[in-house]
Amino acid sequence: MVKYKTIKQFAVESGYTEHAIRAKCSKGTWPEGQVWIRAPDNKPLINVEGYHAWVESGPAPRAALRVVSKANSKVRELSPPPLT
């Protein structure tokens, strides 16, 4: 098994698009030095072993979701009250 793959090679094998891989690298989702590195010619390479470790590390923390209950909200009338 090859330890490092080009983004193009890794995209074919992983199912991620090249764009998604580049985004994960640039946004820090995949840490440089662990999941990807730069070769001496500055070309980004994916560390296949680092990718597997990232996958097996578990799900990413999700932002807390706020549930809004309609039962507790006030209902506003859309029409004005009747004239008496």
PDB file of N, CA and C in Angstrom:
ATOM      1  N   MET A   1       0.847  -1.188   0.000  1.00  0.00           N
ATOM      2  CA  MET A   1       0.000   0.000   0.000  1.00  0.00           C
ATOM      3  C   MET A   1       0.889   1.247   0.000  1.00  0.00           C
ATOM      4  N   VAL A   2       0.506   2.225  -0.785  1.00  0.00           N
ATOM      5  CA  VAL A   2       1.229   3.488  -0.860  1.00  0.00           C
ATOM      6  C   VAL A   2       0.777   4.370   0.294  1.00  0.00           C
ATOM      7  N   LYS A   3       1.734   4.964   1.011  1.00  0.00           N
ATOM      8  CA  LYS A   3       1.381   5.785   2.168  1.00  0.00           C
ATOM      9  C   LYS A   3       0.779   7.129   1.750  1.00  0.00           C
ATOM     10  N   TYR A   4       1.301   7.729   0.694  1.00  0.00           N
ATOM     11  CA  TYR A   4       0.830   9.043   0.253  1.00  0.00           C
ATOM     12  C   TYR A   4       0.242   8.950  -1.150  1.00  0.00           C
ATOM     13  N   LYS A   5      -0.863   9.667  -1.355  1.00  0.00           N
ATOM     14  CA  LYS A   5      -1.515   9.703  -2.667  1.00  0.00           C
ATOM     15  C   LYS A   5      -1.797  11.147  -3.045  1.00  0.00           C
ATOM     16  N   THR A   6      -1.821  11.390  -4.342  1.00  0.00           N
ATOM     17  CA  THR A   6      -2.212  12.718  -4.808  1.00  0.00           C
ATOM     18  C   THR A   6      -3.701  12.910  -4.520  1.00  0.00           C
ATOM     19  N   ILE A   7      -4.128  14.126  -4.553  1.00  0.00           N
ATOM     20  CA  ILE A   7      -5.545  14.409  -4.318  1.00  0.00           C
ATOM     21  C   ILE A   7      -6.393  13.727  -5.379  1.00  0.00           C
ATOM     22  N   LYS A   8      -5.918  13.733  -6.615  1.00  0.00           N
ATOM     23  CA  LYS A   8      -6.664  13.098  -7.698  1.00  0.00           C
ATOM     24  C   LYS A   8      -6.804  11.594  -7.454  1.00  0.00           C
ATOM     25  N   GLN A   9      -5.717  10.930  -7.087  1.00  0.00           N
ATOM     26  CA  GLN A   9      -5.774   9.487  -6.801  1.00  0.00           C
ATOM     27  C   GLN A   9      -6.701   9.204  -5.626  1.00  0.00           C
ATOM     28  N   PHE A  10      -6.565  10.008  -4.574  1.00  0.00           N
ATOM     29  CA  PHE A  10      -7.358   9.778  -3.376  1.00  0.00           C
ATOM     30  C   PHE A  10      -8.843  10.007  -3.642  1.00  0.00           C
ATOM     31  N   ALA A  11      -9.158  10.975  -4.494  1.00  0.00           N
ATOM     32  CA  ALA A  11     -10.557  11.252  -4.834  1.00  0.00           C
ATOM     33  C   ALA A  11     -11.198  10.038  -5.505  1.00  0.00           C
ATOM     34  N   VAL A  12     -10.481   9.406  -6.399  1.00  0.00           N
ATOM     35  CA  VAL A  12     -11.014   8.234  -7.101  1.00  0.00           C
ATOM     36  C   VAL A  12     -11.304   7.110  -6.113  1.00  0.00           C
ATOM     37  N   GLU A  13     -10.408   6.895  -5.169  1.00  0.00           N
ATOM     38  CA  GLU A  13     -10.533   5.767  -4.248  1.00  0.00           C
ATOM     39  C   GLU A  13     -11.474   6.028  -3.076  1.00  0.00           C
ATOM     40  N   SER A  14     -11.577   7.281  -2.638  1.00  0.00           N
ATOM     41  CA  SER A  14     -12.337   7.577  -1.417  1.00  0.00           C
ATOM     42  C   SER A  14     -13.793   7.942  -1.672  1.00  0.00           C
ATOM     43  N   GLY A  15     -14.080   8.468  -2.859  1.00  0.00           N
ATOM     44  CA  GLY A  15     -15.434   8.935  -3.122  1.00  0.00           C
ATOM     45  C   GLY A  15     -15.616  10.415  -2.839  1.00  0.00           C
ATOM     46  N   TYR A  16     -14.640  11.053  -2.181  1.00  0.00           N
ATOM     47  CA  TYR A  16     -14.673  12.502  -2.008  1.00  0.00           C
ATOM     48  C   TYR A  16     -14.285  13.144  -3.336  1.00  0.00           C
ATOM     49  N   THR A  17     -14.873  14.280  -3.652  1.00  0.00           N
ATOM     50  CA  THR A  17     -14.440  15.002  -4.845  1.00  0.00           C
ATOM     51  C   THR A  17     -13.114  15.696  -4.544  1.00  0.00           C
ATOM     52  N   GLU A  18     -12.395  16.045  -5.591  1.00  0.00           N
ATOM     53  CA  GLU A  18     -11.141  16.777  -5.397  1.00  0.00           C
ATOM     54  C   GLU A  18     -11.419  18.091  -4.679  1.00  0.00           C
ATOM     55  N   HIS A  19     -12.508  18.734  -5.032  1.00  0.00           N
ATOM     56  CA  HIS A  19     -12.875  20.001  -4.384  1.00  0.00           C
ATOM     57  C   HIS A  19     -13.111  19.799  -2.885  1.00  0.00           C
ATOM     58  N   ALA A  20     -13.820  18.733  -2.521  1.00  0.00           N
ATOM     59  CA  ALA A  20     -14.098  18.459  -1.105  1.00  0.00           C
ATOM     60  C   ALA A  20     -12.809  18.173  -0.344  1.00  0.00           C
ATOM     61  N   ILE A  21     -11.897  17.455  -0.956  1.00  0.00           N
ATOM     62  CA  ILE A  21     -10.621  17.146  -0.308  1.00  0.00           C
ATOM     63  C   ILE A  21      -9.835  18.427  -0.064  1.00  0.00           C
ATOM     64  N   ARG A  22      -9.759  19.275  -1.092  1.00  0.00           N
ATOM     65  CA  ARG A  22      -9.026  20.543  -0.932  1.00  0.00           C
ATOM     66  C   ARG A  22      -9.675  21.420   0.147  1.00  0.00           C
ATOM     67  N   ALA A  23     -10.993  21.412   0.210  1.00  0.00           N
ATOM     68  CA  ALA A  23     -11.697  22.204   1.224  1.00  0.00           C
ATOM     69  C   ALA A  23     -11.395  21.675   2.620  1.00  0.00           C
ATOM     70  N   LYS A  24     -11.393  20.359   2.805  1.00  0.00           N
ATOM     71  CA  LYS A  24     -11.105  19.778   4.106  1.00  0.00           C
ATOM     72  C   LYS A  24      -9.682  20.118   4.549  1.00  0.00           C
ATOM     73  N   CYS A  25      -8.759  20.141   3.601  1.00  0.00           N
ATOM     74  CA  CYS A  25      -7.375  20.498   3.923  1.00  0.00           C
ATOM     75  C   CYS A  25      -7.261  21.982   4.272  1.00  0.00           C
ATOM     76  N   SER A  26      -7.856  22.841   3.462  1.00  0.00           N
ATOM     77  CA  SER A  26      -7.707  24.286   3.684  1.00  0.00           C
ATOM     78  C   SER A  26      -8.463  24.779   4.918  1.00  0.00           C
ATOM     79  N   LYS A  27      -9.584  24.143   5.256  1.00  0.00           N
ATOM     80  CA  LYS A  27     -10.360  24.567   6.419  1.00  0.00           C
ATOM     81  C   LYS A  27      -9.848  23.956   7.726  1.00  0.00           C
ATOM     82  N   GLY A  28      -8.905  23.010   7.620  1.00  0.00           N
ATOM     83  CA  GLY A  28      -8.357  22.400   8.826  1.00  0.00           C
ATOM     84  C   GLY A  28      -9.130  21.198   9.331  1.00  0.00           C
ATOM     85  N   THR A  29     -10.149  20.763   8.583  1.00  0.00           N
ATOM     86  CA  THR A  29     -10.878  19.558   8.974  1.00  0.00           C
ATOM     87  C   THR A  29      -9.929  18.370   8.990  1.00  0.00           C
ATOM     88  N   TRP A  30      -9.045  18.339   7.997  1.00  0.00           N
ATOM     89  CA  TRP A  30      -7.975  17.353   7.951  1.00  0.00           C
ATOM     90  C   TRP A  30      -6.683  18.085   8.284  1.00  0.00           C
ATOM     91  N   PRO A  31      -6.116  17.851   9.465  1.00  0.00           N
ATOM     92  CA  PRO A  31      -4.931  18.598   9.890  1.00  0.00           C
ATOM     93  C   PRO A  31      -3.706  18.310   9.024  1.00  0.00           C
ATOM     94  N   GLU A  32      -3.011  19.385   8.674  1.00  0.00           N
ATOM     95  CA  GLU A  32      -1.752  19.236   7.936  1.00  0.00           C
ATOM     96  C   GLU A  32      -0.744  18.541   8.838  1.00  0.00           C
ATOM     97  N   GLY A  33      -0.006  17.618   8.275  1.00  0.00           N
ATOM     98  CA  GLY A  33       0.973  16.860   9.039  1.00  0.00           C
ATOM     99  C   GLY A  33       0.411  15.556   9.576  1.00  0.00           C
ATOM    100  N   GLN A  34      -0.900  15.440   9.604  1.00  0.00           N
ATOM    101  CA  GLN A  34      -1.535  14.206  10.059  1.00  0.00           C
ATOM    102  C   GLN A  34      -2.278  13.520   8.924  1.00  0.00           C
ATOM    103  N   VAL A  35      -3.212  14.227   8.294  1.00  0.00           N
ATOM    104  CA  VAL A  35      -4.004  13.644   7.218  1.00  0.00           C
ATOM    105  C   VAL A  35      -3.415  14.015   5.856  1.00  0.00           C
ATOM    106  N   TRP A  36      -2.739  15.135   5.788  1.00  0.00           N
ATOM    107  CA  TRP A  36      -2.111  15.526   4.522  1.00  0.00           C
ATOM    108  C   TRP A  36      -0.815  16.263   4.794  1.00  0.00           C
ATOM    109  N   ILE A  37       0.059  16.243   3.805  1.00  0.00           N
ATOM    110  CA  ILE A  37       1.345  16.940   3.902  1.00  0.00           C
ATOM    111  C   ILE A  37       1.628  17.631   2.576  1.00  0.00           C
ATOM    112  N   ARG A  38       2.635  18.466   2.588  1.00  0.00           N
ATOM    113  CA  ARG A  38       3.141  19.058   1.349  1.00  0.00           C
ATOM    114  C   ARG A  38       4.469  18.374   1.029  1.00  0.00           C
ATOM    115  N   ALA A  39       4.575  17.886  -0.193  1.00  0.00           N
ATOM    116  CA  ALA A  39       5.815  17.272  -0.656  1.00  0.00           C
ATOM    117  C   ALA A  39       6.876  18.368  -0.815  1.00  0.00           C
ATOM    118  N   PRO A  40       8.131  18.000  -0.956  1.00  0.00           N
ATOM    119  CA  PRO A  40       9.176  19.012  -1.155  1.00  0.00           C
ATOM    120  C   PRO A  40       8.921  19.955  -2.330  1.00  0.00           C
ATOM    121  N   ASP A  41       8.142  19.518  -3.331  1.00  0.00           N
ATOM    122  CA  ASP A  41       7.806  20.405  -4.455  1.00  0.00           C
ATOM    123  C   ASP A  41       6.530  21.201  -4.191  1.00  0.00           C
ATOM    124  N   ASN A  42       6.039  21.161  -2.932  1.00  0.00           N
ATOM    125  CA  ASN A  42       4.871  21.908  -2.457  1.00  0.00           C
ATOM    126  C   ASN A  42       3.535  21.296  -2.888  1.00  0.00           C
ATOM    127  N   LYS A  43       3.548  20.122  -3.480  1.00  0.00           N
ATOM    128  CA  LYS A  43       2.309  19.461  -3.903  1.00  0.00           C
ATOM    129  C   LYS A  43       1.657  18.812  -2.683  1.00  0.00           C
ATOM    130  N   PRO A  44       0.342  19.044  -2.460  1.00  0.00           N
ATOM    131  CA  PRO A  44      -0.326  18.399  -1.328  1.00  0.00           C
ATOM    132  C   PRO A  44      -0.530  16.908  -1.596  1.00  0.00           C
ATOM    133  N   LEU A  45      -0.250  16.112  -0.591  1.00  0.00           N
ATOM    134  CA  LEU A  45      -0.431  14.668  -0.672  1.00  0.00           C
ATOM    135  C   LEU A  45      -1.248  14.198   0.521  1.00  0.00           C
ATOM    136  N   ILE A  46      -2.111  13.233   0.296  1.00  0.00           N
ATOM    137  CA  ILE A  46      -2.941  12.682   1.363  1.00  0.00           C
ATOM    138  C   ILE A  46      -2.213  11.504   1.990  1.00  0.00           C
ATOM    139  N   ASN A  47      -2.106  11.525   3.310  1.00  0.00           N
ATOM    140  CA  ASN A  47      -1.539  10.417   4.068  1.00  0.00           C
ATOM    141  C   ASN A  47      -2.678   9.428   4.320  1.00  0.00           C
ATOM    142  N   VAL A  48      -2.646   8.302   3.629  1.00  0.00           N
ATOM    143  CA  VAL A  48      -3.746   7.340   3.705  1.00  0.00           C
ATOM    144  C   VAL A  48      -3.911   6.824   5.136  1.00  0.00           C
ATOM    145  N   GLU A  49      -2.808   6.556   5.816  1.00  0.00           N
ATOM    146  CA  GLU A  49      -2.883   6.081   7.204  1.00  0.00           C
ATOM    147  C   GLU A  49      -3.470   7.167   8.116  1.00  0.00           C
ATOM    148  N   GLY A  50      -3.089   8.413   7.879  1.00  0.00           N
ATOM    149  CA  GLY A  50      -3.641   9.524   8.658  1.00  0.00           C
ATOM    150  C   GLY A  50      -5.124   9.703   8.415  1.00  0.00           C
ATOM    151  N   TYR A  51      -5.551   9.492   7.173  1.00  0.00           N
ATOM    152  CA  TYR A  51      -6.972   9.569   6.847  1.00  0.00           C
ATOM    153  C   TYR A  51      -7.746   8.490   7.604  1.00  0.00           C
ATOM    154  N   HIS A  52      -7.218   7.259   7.609  1.00  0.00           N
ATOM    155  CA  HIS A  52      -7.893   6.171   8.318  1.00  0.00           C
ATOM    156  C   HIS A  52      -7.992   6.475   9.813  1.00  0.00           C
ATOM    157  N   ALA A  53      -6.935   7.046  10.390  1.00  0.00           N
ATOM    158  CA  ALA A  53      -6.971   7.419  11.813  1.00  0.00           C
ATOM    159  C   ALA A  53      -8.029   8.490  12.055  1.00  0.00           C
ATOM    160  N   TRP A  54      -8.153   9.451  11.128  1.00  0.00           N
ATOM    161  CA  TRP A  54      -9.157  10.506  11.263  1.00  0.00           C
ATOM    162  C   TRP A  54     -10.559   9.913  11.220  1.00  0.00           C
ATOM    163  N   VAL A  55     -10.794   8.986  10.284  1.00  0.00           N
ATOM    164  CA  VAL A  55     -12.109   8.357  10.158  1.00  0.00           C
ATOM    165  C   VAL A  55     -12.463   7.594  11.428  1.00  0.00           C
ATOM    166  N   GLU A  56     -11.505   6.882  11.968  1.00  0.00           N
ATOM    167  CA  GLU A  56     -11.758   6.038  13.132  1.00  0.00           C
ATOM    168  C   GLU A  56     -11.787   6.819  14.448  1.00  0.00           C
ATOM    169  N   SER A  57     -11.495   8.119  14.387  1.00  0.00           N
ATOM    170  CA  SER A  57     -11.493   8.932  15.620  1.00  0.00           C
ATOM    171  C   SER A  57     -12.902   9.258  16.100  1.00  0.00           C
ATOM    172  N   GLY A  58     -13.911   8.975  15.302  1.00  0.00           N
ATOM    173  CA  GLY A  58     -15.288   9.209  15.725  1.00  0.00           C
ATOM    174  C   GLY A  58     -15.903  10.389  15.021  1.00  0.00           C
ATOM    175  N   PRO A  59     -17.187  10.600  15.260  1.00  0.00           N
ATOM    176  CA  PRO A  59     -17.886  11.688  14.578  1.00  0.00           C
ATOM    177  C   PRO A  59     -17.422  13.054  15.076  1.00  0.00           C
ATOM    178  N   ALA A  60     -17.528  14.020  14.202  1.00  0.00           N
ATOM    179  CA  ALA A  60     -17.196  15.393  14.566  1.00  0.00           C
ATOM    180  C   ALA A  60     -18.230  15.906  15.550  1.00  0.00           C
ATOM    181  N   PRO A  61     -17.818  16.749  16.498  1.00  0.00           N
ATOM    182  CA  PRO A  61     -18.811  17.305  17.425  1.00  0.00           C
ATOM    183  C   PRO A  61     -19.809  18.164  16.656  1.00  0.00           C
ATOM    184  N   ARG A  62     -21.052  17.999  16.988  1.00  0.00           N
ATOM    185  CA  ARG A  62     -22.104  18.771  16.317  1.00  0.00           C
ATOM    186  C   ARG A  62     -22.473  19.967  17.173  1.00  0.00           C
ATOM    187  N   ALA A  63     -22.847  21.015  16.507  1.00  0.00           N
ATOM    188  CA  ALA A  63     -23.317  22.196  17.228  1.00  0.00           C
ATOM    189  C   ALA A  63     -24.611  21.843  17.946  1.00  0.00           C
ATOM    190  N   ALA A  64     -24.769  22.388  19.106  1.00  0.00           N
ATOM    191  CA  ALA A  64     -25.998  22.118  19.869  1.00  0.00           C
ATOM    192  C   ALA A  64     -27.192  22.675  19.103  1.00  0.00           C
ATOM    193  N   LEU A  65     -28.185  21.876  18.964  1.00  0.00           N
ATOM    194  CA  LEU A  65     -29.396  22.308  18.276  1.00  0.00           C
ATOM    195  C   LEU A  65     -30.392  22.849  19.292  1.00  0.00           C
ATOM    196  N   ARG A  66     -31.039  23.930  18.947  1.00  0.00           N
ATOM    197  CA  ARG A  66     -32.032  24.525  19.821  1.00  0.00           C
ATOM    198  C   ARG A  66     -33.403  24.160  19.292  1.00  0.00           C
ATOM    199  N   VAL A  67     -34.191  23.520  20.111  1.00  0.00           N
ATOM    200  CA  VAL A  67     -35.528  23.116  19.715  1.00  0.00           C
ATOM    201  C   VAL A  67     -36.506  24.195  20.145  1.00  0.00           C
ATOM    202  N   VAL A  68     -37.293  24.630  19.216  1.00  0.00           N
ATOM    203  CA  VAL A  68     -38.296  25.649  19.515  1.00  0.00           C
ATOM    204  C   VAL A  68     -39.653  24.971  19.486  1.00  0.00           C
ATOM    205  N   SER A  69     -40.361  25.092  20.580  1.00  0.00           N
ATOM    206  CA  SER A  69     -41.681  24.476  20.671  1.00  0.00           C
ATOM    207  C   SER A  69     -42.736  25.485  20.271  1.00  0.00           C
ATOM    208  N   LYS A  70     -43.607  25.088  19.387  1.00  0.00           N
ATOM    209  CA  LYS A  70     -44.692  25.969  18.985  1.00  0.00           C
ATOM    210  C   LYS A  70     -45.746  26.092  20.079  1.00  0.00           C
ATOM    211  N   ALA A  71     -45.791  25.108  20.967  1.00  0.00           N
ATOM    212  CA  ALA A  71     -46.797  25.122  22.025  1.00  0.00           C
ATOM    213  C   ALA A  71     -46.591  26.296  22.977  1.00  0.00           C
ATOM    214  N   ASN A  72     -45.343  26.709  23.162  1.00  0.00           N
ATOM    215  CA  ASN A  72     -45.056  27.784  24.110  1.00  0.00           C
ATOM    216  C   ASN A  72     -45.018  29.159  23.460  1.00  0.00           C
ATOM    217  N   SER A  73     -45.085  29.212  22.163  1.00  0.00           N
ATOM    218  CA  SER A  73     -45.018  30.516  21.504  1.00  0.00           C
ATOM    219  C   SER A  73     -46.409  31.148  21.448  1.00  0.00           C
ATOM    220  N   LYS A  74     -46.425  32.464  21.464  1.00  0.00           N
ATOM    221  CA  LYS A  74     -47.695  33.175  21.386  1.00  0.00           C
ATOM    222  C   LYS A  74     -48.146  33.231  19.934  1.00  0.00           C
ATOM    223  N   VAL A  75     -49.440  33.081  19.756  1.00  0.00           N
ATOM    224  CA  VAL A  75     -50.011  33.144  18.420  1.00  0.00           C
ATOM    225  C   VAL A  75     -50.474  34.574  18.190  1.00  0.00           C
ATOM    226  N   ARG A  76     -49.966  35.149  17.121  1.00  0.00           N
ATOM    227  CA  ARG A  76     -50.369  36.511  16.791  1.00  0.00           C
ATOM    228  C   ARG A  76     -51.440  36.452  15.720  1.00  0.00           C
ATOM    229  N   GLU A  77     -52.428  37.277  15.913  1.00  0.00           N
ATOM    230  CA  GLU A  77     -53.487  37.358  14.907  1.00  0.00           C
ATOM    231  C   GLU A  77     -52.970  38.175  13.732  1.00  0.00           C
ATOM    232  N   LEU A  78     -53.218  37.693  12.540  1.00  0.00           N
ATOM    233  CA  LEU A  78     -52.789  38.398  11.360  1.00  0.00           C
ATOM    234  C   LEU A  78     -53.789  39.477  10.941  1.00  0.00           C
ATOM    235  N   SER A  79     -55.028  39.353  11.376  1.00  0.00           N
ATOM    236  CA  SER A  79     -56.030  40.353  11.034  1.00  0.00           C
ATOM    237  C   SER A  79     -56.341  41.161  12.290  1.00  0.00           C
ATOM    238  N   PRO A  80     -56.784  42.397  12.126  1.00  0.00           N
ATOM    239  CA  PRO A  80     -57.108  43.215  13.299  1.00  0.00           C
ATOM    240  C   PRO A  80     -58.346  42.690  14.015  1.00  0.00           C
ATOM    241  N   PRO A  81     -58.485  43.037  15.285  1.00  0.00           N
ATOM    242  CA  PRO A  81     -59.675  42.583  16.010  1.00  0.00           C
ATOM    243  C   PRO A  81     -60.937  43.204  15.388  1.00  0.00           C
ATOM    244  N   PRO A  82     -62.072  42.529  15.542  1.00  0.00           N
ATOM    245  CA  PRO A  82     -63.316  43.053  14.953  1.00  0.00           C
ATOM    246  C   PRO A  82     -63.735  44.363  15.608  1.00  0.00           C
ATOM    247  N   LEU A  83     -64.392  45.211  14.829  1.00  0.00           N
ATOM    248  CA  LEU A  83     -64.912  46.488  15.353  1.00  0.00           C
ATOM    249  C   LEU A  83     -66.199  46.225  16.109  1.00  0.00           C
ATOM    250  N   THR A  84     -66.345  46.809  17.251  1.00  0.00           N
ATOM    251  CA  THR A  84     -67.577  46.619  18.021  1.00  0.00           C
ATOM    252  C   THR A  84     -68.286  47.898  18.266  1.00  0.00           C
TER     253      THR A  84
END
